[in-house]
Amino acid sequence: MYPPPVKGGAGLSRLAAETLLLVLGLILALLVFGPIGSYASSALFGTTSISAPSTLGIYGAYFAQSSCTSGTCMEVSVKNDGPMELRNASRRGAWILIVDDYYCGEPDYVYIGGDDVLGVGEVATLRWSDNQCTRYAGRYTSIYATSKEHHMLKLYGPQGTFAVYSYYPG
């Protein structure tokens, strides 16, 4: 005596279930590792990568020969290399200069063609009327950034822009 044959049920066949799982696994792998993976993972885990809207290039720097507390003590010429224009470029707090890891602060004078926008290809002139820069490393120390020494400049600009320049005397 054999059991009666089973007629077609309402469920999925084993082949259809395995194929469905394989397709779902492939879609999940593409979401995690594919071109939209960073977007999908940042949406799921709350992290995003943001970059500055433009790049800056420092094309020249001037330093006084000795300690200086008035006039033009330091000057930096910076160009917006694009691709976007930078708004609010002459407002207070838009520029910060670091020389040899010493904080030199904001410029006293910013010239950007008469407006507040640093367009692509436009050059801004930034001037400081003091060349004393300070830092805190357990205690406050300071330097005078002069034209007699090599300096590494780091310039933070508007909208998260950043430029590095190596100054050599002579």
C-alpha atoms as a PDB file:
ATOM      1  CA  MET A   1       0.000   0.000   0.000  1.00  0.00           C
ATOM      2  CA  TYR A   2       1.405   3.294  -1.153  1.00  0.00           C
ATOM      3  CA  PRO A   3       0.330   6.677   0.189  1.00  0.00           C
ATOM      4  CA  PRO A   4      -1.966   8.619  -2.108  1.00  0.00           C
ATOM      5  CA  PRO A   5      -0.151  11.061  -4.454  1.00  0.00           C
ATOM      6  CA  VAL A   6       0.048  14.653  -3.242  1.00  0.00           C
ATOM      7  CA  LYS A   7      -1.623  17.173  -5.459  1.00  0.00           C
ATOM      8  CA  GLY A   8      -0.024  20.639  -6.118  1.00  0.00           C
ATOM      9  CA  GLY A   9       0.050  22.693  -2.913  1.00  0.00           C
ATOM     10  CA  ALA A  10      -0.245  26.428  -2.441  1.00  0.00           C
ATOM     11  CA  GLY A  11       3.449  26.974  -1.454  1.00  0.00           C
ATOM     12  CA  LEU A  12       6.592  27.703  -3.454  1.00  0.00           C
ATOM     13  CA  SER A  13       8.721  24.939  -4.854  1.00  0.00           C
ATOM     14  CA  ARG A  14      12.199  24.529  -3.436  1.00  0.00           C
ATOM     15  CA  LEU A  15      13.777  25.808  -6.673  1.00  0.00           C
ATOM     16  CA  ALA A  16      11.624  28.951  -6.689  1.00  0.00           C
ATOM     17  CA  ALA A  17      12.423  29.676  -3.013  1.00  0.00           C
ATOM     18  CA  GLU A  18      16.193  29.272  -3.553  1.00  0.00           C
ATOM     19  CA  THR A  19      16.068  31.491  -6.647  1.00  0.00           C
ATOM     20  CA  LEU A  20      14.172  34.182  -4.729  1.00  0.00           C
ATOM     21  CA  LEU A  21      16.700  34.105  -1.873  1.00  0.00           C
ATOM     22  CA  LEU A  22      19.599  34.323  -4.342  1.00  0.00           C
ATOM     23  CA  VAL A  23      18.075  37.349  -6.089  1.00  0.00           C
ATOM     24  CA  LEU A  24      17.387  39.106  -2.755  1.00  0.00           C
ATOM     25  CA  GLY A  25      20.958  38.406  -1.609  1.00  0.00           C
ATOM     26  CA  LEU A  26      22.347  39.792  -4.856  1.00  0.00           C
ATOM     27  CA  ILE A  27      20.255  42.969  -4.541  1.00  0.00           C
ATOM     28  CA  LEU A  28      21.406  43.442  -0.941  1.00  0.00           C
ATOM     29  CA  ALA A  29      25.064  42.957  -1.934  1.00  0.00           C
ATOM     30  CA  LEU A  30      24.725  45.544  -4.712  1.00  0.00           C
ATOM     31  CA  LEU A  31      23.168  48.027  -2.298  1.00  0.00           C
ATOM     32  CA  VAL A  32      26.001  47.604   0.201  1.00  0.00           C
ATOM     33  CA  PHE A  33      28.978  47.345  -2.184  1.00  0.00           C
ATOM     34  CA  GLY A  34      27.725  48.920  -5.412  1.00  0.00           C
ATOM     35  CA  PRO A  35      27.872  52.509  -6.642  1.00  0.00           C
ATOM     36  CA  ILE A  36      24.950  53.555  -4.473  1.00  0.00           C
ATOM     37  CA  GLY A  37      26.344  51.642  -1.517  1.00  0.00           C
ATOM     38  CA  SER A  38      27.826  54.676   0.189  1.00  0.00           C
ATOM     39  CA  TYR A  39      24.527  56.513  -0.103  1.00  0.00           C
ATOM     40  CA  ALA A  40      22.549  53.506   1.127  1.00  0.00           C
ATOM     41  CA  SER A  41      24.909  52.825   4.029  1.00  0.00           C
ATOM     42  CA  SER A  42      24.992  56.489   5.038  1.00  0.00           C
ATOM     43  CA  ALA A  43      21.202  56.592   4.936  1.00  0.00           C
ATOM     44  CA  LEU A  44      21.066  53.491   7.115  1.00  0.00           C
ATOM     45  CA  PHE A  45      23.906  54.340   9.519  1.00  0.00           C
ATOM     46  CA  GLY A  46      23.740  58.151   9.547  1.00  0.00           C
ATOM     47  CA  THR A  47      27.146  59.019   8.069  1.00  0.00           C
ATOM     48  CA  THR A  48      27.818  61.124   5.009  1.00  0.00           C
ATOM     49  CA  SER A  49      30.883  62.409   3.243  1.00  0.00           C
ATOM     50  CA  ILE A  50      30.934  66.122   2.498  1.00  0.00           C
ATOM     51  CA  SER A  51      33.590  67.949   0.532  1.00  0.00           C
ATOM     52  CA  ALA A  52      34.286  71.630  -0.015  1.00  0.00           C
ATOM     53  CA  PRO A  53      32.511  73.264  -2.958  1.00  0.00           C
ATOM     54  CA  SER A  54      35.765  74.549  -4.444  1.00  0.00           C
ATOM     55  CA  THR A  55      39.549  74.276  -4.214  1.00  0.00           C
ATOM     56  CA  LEU A  56      41.908  77.085  -3.232  1.00  0.00           C
ATOM     57  CA  GLY A  57      45.466  77.735  -4.322  1.00  0.00           C
ATOM     58  CA  ILE A  58      47.892  80.039  -2.532  1.00  0.00           C
ATOM     59  CA  TYR A  59      49.933  81.812  -5.181  1.00  0.00           C
ATOM     60  CA  GLY A  60      52.128  84.023  -3.032  1.00  0.00           C
ATOM     61  CA  ALA A  61      52.936  85.063   0.502  1.00  0.00           C
ATOM     62  CA  TYR A  62      54.708  88.056   2.013  1.00  0.00           C
ATOM     63  CA  PHE A  63      56.181  88.276   5.513  1.00  0.00           C
ATOM     64  CA  ALA A  64      57.825  91.248   7.244  1.00  0.00           C
ATOM     65  CA  GLN A  65      61.566  90.880   7.939  1.00  0.00           C
ATOM     66  CA  SER A  66      61.169  91.142  11.737  1.00  0.00           C
ATOM     67  CA  SER A  67      58.477  91.381  14.405  1.00  0.00           C
ATOM     68  CA  CYS A  68      55.715  93.656  13.193  1.00  0.00           C
ATOM     69  CA  THR A  69      52.617  95.094  14.850  1.00  0.00           C
ATOM     70  CA  SER A  70      51.344  97.620  12.305  1.00  0.00           C
ATOM     71  CA  GLY A  71      51.063  98.041   8.561  1.00  0.00           C
ATOM     72  CA  THR A  72      51.255  94.992   6.300  1.00  0.00           C
ATOM     73  CA  CYS A  73      53.021  92.320   8.351  1.00  0.00           C
ATOM     74  CA  MET A  74      51.767  89.270   6.437  1.00  0.00           C
ATOM     75  CA  GLU A  75      49.973  89.003   3.104  1.00  0.00           C
ATOM     76  CA  VAL A  76      48.601  85.968   1.263  1.00  0.00           C
ATOM     77  CA  SER A  77      47.271  85.859  -2.309  1.00  0.00           C
ATOM     78  CA  VAL A  78      44.754  83.054  -2.733  1.00  0.00           C
ATOM     79  CA  LYS A  79      42.921  81.986  -5.896  1.00  0.00           C
ATOM     80  CA  ASN A  80      39.635  80.128  -6.210  1.00  0.00           C
ATOM     81  CA  ASP A  81      40.445  77.283  -8.611  1.00  0.00           C
ATOM     82  CA  GLY A  82      36.783  76.269  -8.853  1.00  0.00           C
ATOM     83  CA  PRO A  83      34.459  74.725  -9.716  1.00  0.00           C
ATOM     84  CA  MET A  84      32.110  76.874  -7.583  1.00  0.00           C
ATOM     85  CA  GLU A  85      32.151  80.501  -6.484  1.00  0.00           C
ATOM     86  CA  LEU A  86      32.598  81.155  -2.762  1.00  0.00           C
ATOM     87  CA  ARG A  87      30.070  83.444  -1.105  1.00  0.00           C
ATOM     88  CA  ASN A  88      30.637  85.468   2.081  1.00  0.00           C
ATOM     89  CA  ALA A  89      34.364  85.500   1.343  1.00  0.00           C
ATOM     90  CA  SER A  90      35.062  88.895   2.882  1.00  0.00           C
ATOM     91  CA  ARG A  91      33.021  88.420   6.055  1.00  0.00           C
ATOM     92  CA  ARG A  92      34.543  88.134   9.495  1.00  0.00           C
ATOM     93  CA  GLY A  93      35.552  84.560  10.283  1.00  0.00           C
ATOM     94  CA  ALA A  94      35.750  83.474   6.645  1.00  0.00           C
ATOM     95  CA  TRP A  95      39.570  83.073   6.659  1.00  0.00           C
ATOM     96  CA  ILE A  96      41.935  81.604   9.281  1.00  0.00           C
ATOM     97  CA  LEU A  97      45.713  81.347   8.835  1.00  0.00           C
ATOM     98  CA  ILE A  98      47.948  78.781  10.545  1.00  0.00           C
ATOM     99  CA  VAL A  99      51.736  79.169  10.139  1.00  0.00           C
ATOM    100  CA  ASP A 100      53.948  76.274  11.279  1.00  0.00           C
ATOM    101  CA  ASP A 101      51.034  75.023  13.438  1.00  0.00           C
ATOM    102  CA  TYR A 102      50.752  78.414  15.168  1.00  0.00           C
ATOM    103  CA  TYR A 103      47.415  80.222  15.010  1.00  0.00           C
ATOM    104  CA  CYS A 104      47.721  83.601  13.275  1.00  0.00           C
ATOM    105  CA  GLY A 105      44.019  84.364  13.234  1.00  0.00           C
ATOM    106  CA  GLU A 106      41.812  86.232  10.806  1.00  0.00           C
ATOM    107  CA  PRO A 107      43.083  88.822   8.333  1.00  0.00           C
ATOM    108  CA  ASP A 108      42.583  92.505   9.123  1.00  0.00           C
ATOM    109  CA  TYR A 109      41.986  93.282   5.451  1.00  0.00           C
ATOM    110  CA  VAL A 110      40.350  91.201   2.695  1.00  0.00           C
ATOM    111  CA  TYR A 111      40.158  92.436  -0.886  1.00  0.00           C
ATOM    112  CA  ILE A 112      37.938  90.503  -3.303  1.00  0.00           C
ATOM    113  CA  GLY A 113      37.193  92.703  -6.289  1.00  0.00           C
ATOM    114  CA  GLY A 114      34.739  94.942  -4.445  1.00  0.00           C
ATOM    115  CA  ASP A 115      32.109  92.314  -3.587  1.00  0.00           C
ATOM    116  CA  ASP A 116      31.612  89.448  -1.142  1.00  0.00           C
ATOM    117  CA  VAL A 117      31.945  86.623  -3.710  1.00  0.00           C
ATOM    118  CA  LEU A 118      35.231  84.966  -4.694  1.00  0.00           C
ATOM    119  CA  GLY A 119      34.474  83.814  -8.225  1.00  0.00           C
ATOM    120  CA  VAL A 120      36.200  80.952 -10.043  1.00  0.00           C
ATOM    121  CA  GLY A 121      39.629  82.165 -11.163  1.00  0.00           C
ATOM    122  CA  GLU A 122      39.463  85.270  -8.958  1.00  0.00           C
ATOM    123  CA  VAL A 123      42.312  86.126  -6.573  1.00  0.00           C
ATOM    124  CA  ALA A 124      41.779  87.456  -3.046  1.00  0.00           C
ATOM    125  CA  THR A 125      44.355  89.455  -1.106  1.00  0.00           C
ATOM    126  CA  LEU A 126      44.449  88.833   2.643  1.00  0.00           C
ATOM    127  CA  ARG A 127      46.525  91.051   4.970  1.00  0.00           C
ATOM    128  CA  TRP A 128      47.462  90.821   8.630  1.00  0.00           C
ATOM    129  CA  SER A 129      48.752  93.826  10.601  1.00  0.00           C
ATOM    130  CA  ASP A 130      50.550  91.593  13.113  1.00  0.00           C
ATOM    131  CA  ASN A 131      52.864  88.660  12.408  1.00  0.00           C
ATOM    132  CA  GLN A 132      52.818  87.116  15.891  1.00  0.00           C
ATOM    133  CA  CYS A 133      51.202  83.672  15.892  1.00  0.00           C
ATOM    134  CA  THR A 134      50.437  81.629  19.027  1.00  0.00           C
ATOM    135  CA  ARG A 135      49.565  78.113  20.087  1.00  0.00           C
ATOM    136  CA  TYR A 136      48.768  76.256  23.273  1.00  0.00           C
ATOM    137  CA  ALA A 137      50.675  73.056  23.995  1.00  0.00           C
ATOM    138  CA  GLY A 138      50.428  72.833  27.771  1.00  0.00           C
ATOM    139  CA  ARG A 139      51.393  76.507  27.827  1.00  0.00           C
ATOM    140  CA  TYR A 140      51.127  79.385  25.378  1.00  0.00           C
ATOM    141  CA  THR A 141      54.034  79.900  23.009  1.00  0.00           C
ATOM    142  CA  SER A 142      54.372  82.265  20.081  1.00  0.00           C
ATOM    143  CA  ILE A 143      56.483  82.970  17.021  1.00  0.00           C
ATOM    144  CA  TYR A 144      56.918  85.887  14.688  1.00  0.00           C
ATOM    145  CA  ALA A 145      56.382  84.679  11.113  1.00  0.00           C
ATOM    146  CA  THR A 146      59.169  86.503   9.259  1.00  0.00           C
ATOM    147  CA  SER A 147      60.624  86.407   5.763  1.00  0.00           C
ATOM    148  CA  LYS A 148      63.911  84.958   7.071  1.00  0.00           C
ATOM    149  CA  GLU A 149      62.603  81.419   7.654  1.00  0.00           C
ATOM    150  CA  HIS A 150      60.794  78.619   5.837  1.00  0.00           C
ATOM    151  CA  HIS A 151      57.113  78.401   6.815  1.00  0.00           C
ATOM    152  CA  MET A 152      54.273  75.969   6.171  1.00  0.00           C
ATOM    153  CA  LEU A 153      51.005  77.869   5.705  1.00  0.00           C
ATOM    154  CA  LYS A 154      47.559  76.367   6.142  1.00  0.00           C
ATOM    155  CA  LEU A 155      44.708  78.617   5.114  1.00  0.00           C
ATOM    156  CA  TYR A 156      41.107  77.791   5.991  1.00  0.00           C
ATOM    157  CA  GLY A 157      38.644  79.637   3.771  1.00  0.00           C
ATOM    158  CA  PRO A 158      34.906  80.143   3.384  1.00  0.00           C
ATOM    159  CA  GLN A 159      32.519  77.204   3.036  1.00  0.00           C
ATOM    160  CA  GLY A 160      35.048  74.626   4.300  1.00  0.00           C
ATOM    161  CA  THR A 161      37.780  75.345   1.741  1.00  0.00           C
ATOM    162  CA  PHE A 162      41.440  74.741   2.577  1.00  0.00           C
ATOM    163  CA  ALA A 163      44.858  75.436   1.046  1.00  0.00           C
ATOM    164  CA  VAL A 164      48.451  74.585   1.968  1.00  0.00           C
ATOM    165  CA  TYR A 165      51.550  76.509   0.881  1.00  0.00           C
ATOM    166  CA  SER A 166      55.236  76.116   1.591  1.00  0.00           C
ATOM    167  CA  TYR A 167      57.030  79.477   1.880  1.00  0.00           C
ATOM    168  CA  TYR A 168      60.771  79.695   1.258  1.00  0.00           C
ATOM    169  CA  PRO A 169      62.754  82.873   1.963  1.00  0.00           C
ATOM    170  CA  GLY A 170      64.435  84.745  -0.862  1.00  0.00           C
END
